Amino acid sequence: MFDIFEYNLVTITYDLDGGIGLALETIKKNTTIPILEPPEKPGYKFLKWTLNNEDFSFTTKINKNITLKAVWEKIEYVKIVFDTDGGKP
């Protein structure tokens, strides 16, 4: 027999797309998800979470299991070399 409390819960799965962070969370149905610390991914900047390819708002009340996907932007590094023409840096 199931506990009635189990029917009032939903699962949030976080698709981190190679990042490091929270992967799964359970909350009460018809509540909002607490705002998370951004996940991390070496060489990338975290931009946002999406739900079904649309931006996700943490003010949205959740009433069913969902999967949020992390969106990343690759960090472009620029190498700068100084030519001191024989002088000291």
Protein backbone atom coordinates (compact mmCIF):
# COMPACT_ATOMS: atom_id res chain seq x y z
CA MET A 1 0.00 0.00 0.00
CA PHE A 2 1.28 3.47 -0.86
CA ASP A 3 1.52 6.29 1.60
CA ILE A 4 -0.75 9.19 0.57
CA PHE A 5 2.28 11.49 1.00
CA GLU A 6 4.02 9.78 -1.94
CA TYR A 7 1.28 11.00 -4.30
CA ASN A 8 2.05 14.60 -3.34
CA LEU A 9 5.66 14.46 -4.54
CA VAL A 10 7.25 15.11 -7.91
CA THR A 11 10.79 14.42 -9.10
CA ILE A 12 12.99 17.01 -10.78
CA THR A 13 15.80 15.53 -12.86
CA TYR A 14 18.66 17.83 -13.83
CA ASP A 15 20.34 17.02 -17.16
CA LEU A 16 23.74 18.58 -16.48
CA ASP A 17 25.07 17.88 -19.99
CA GLY A 18 28.50 16.94 -18.64
CA GLY A 19 28.44 19.43 -15.79
CA ILE A 20 28.79 18.86 -12.06
CA GLY A 21 25.91 19.60 -9.69
CA LEU A 22 22.63 18.35 -8.27
CA ALA A 23 21.20 15.58 -10.48
CA LEU A 24 17.87 14.74 -8.81
CA GLU A 25 15.48 16.39 -6.40
CA THR A 26 12.05 15.59 -4.97
CA ILE A 27 9.63 18.36 -4.00
CA LYS A 28 6.00 18.68 -3.01
CA LYS A 29 3.58 18.76 -5.93
CA ASN A 30 2.29 22.23 -6.92
CA THR A 31 5.25 24.07 -5.37
CA THR A 32 8.22 25.86 -6.90
CA ILE A 33 11.77 24.56 -7.10
CA PRO A 34 14.22 26.33 -4.80
CA ILE A 35 16.75 28.31 -6.87
CA LEU A 36 19.90 26.21 -7.21
CA GLU A 37 23.55 27.02 -7.10
CA PRO A 38 24.62 26.99 -10.76
CA PRO A 39 26.29 23.76 -11.87
CA GLU A 40 29.88 23.81 -13.05
CA LYS A 41 31.53 22.53 -16.20
CA PRO A 42 35.23 23.18 -16.85
CA GLY A 43 35.72 25.45 -19.85
CA TYR A 44 32.05 26.51 -19.91
CA LYS A 45 29.83 29.21 -18.41
CA PHE A 46 26.40 28.12 -17.16
CA LEU A 47 23.66 30.20 -18.88
CA LYS A 48 20.27 28.82 -17.82
CA TRP A 49 17.94 25.89 -17.33
CA THR A 50 15.45 24.87 -20.01
CA LEU A 51 12.33 22.71 -19.92
CA ASN A 52 11.30 21.21 -23.28
CA ASN A 53 13.72 23.58 -25.05
CA GLU A 54 12.15 26.68 -23.47
CA ASP A 55 13.63 28.89 -20.73
CA PHE A 56 12.60 27.67 -17.28
CA SER A 57 11.39 30.06 -14.58
CA PHE A 58 11.85 29.12 -10.93
CA THR A 59 8.48 30.78 -10.21
CA THR A 60 6.73 27.94 -12.07
CA LYS A 61 4.71 25.59 -9.85
CA ILE A 62 5.55 21.98 -10.64
CA ASN A 63 2.76 19.38 -10.66
CA LYS A 64 4.46 16.47 -12.48
CA ASN A 65 7.91 14.94 -12.89
CA ILE A 66 10.15 17.05 -15.15
CA THR A 67 13.68 17.17 -16.53
CA LEU A 68 15.54 20.47 -16.65
CA LYS A 69 18.46 20.76 -19.06
CA ALA A 70 21.54 22.91 -18.42
CA VAL A 71 22.55 25.29 -21.19
CA TRP A 72 26.25 26.14 -21.44
CA GLU A 73 28.42 28.60 -23.34
CA LYS A 74 31.99 27.64 -24.18
CA ILE A 75 34.51 30.04 -22.67
CA GLU A 76 36.85 31.35 -25.34
CA TYR A 77 40.32 32.12 -24.06
CA VAL A 78 42.66 34.56 -25.75
CA LYS A 79 46.42 34.24 -25.38
CA ILE A 80 48.27 37.55 -25.20
CA VAL A 81 52.01 37.64 -25.77
CA PHE A 82 54.06 40.75 -25.06
CA ASP A 83 57.21 41.39 -27.05
CA THR A 84 59.42 43.52 -24.81
CA ASP A 85 62.01 43.80 -27.60
CA GLY A 86 64.78 42.62 -25.28
CA GLY A 87 63.59 44.62 -22.27
CA LYS A 88 62.35 43.24 -18.98
CA PRO A 89 58.65 42.59 -18.47
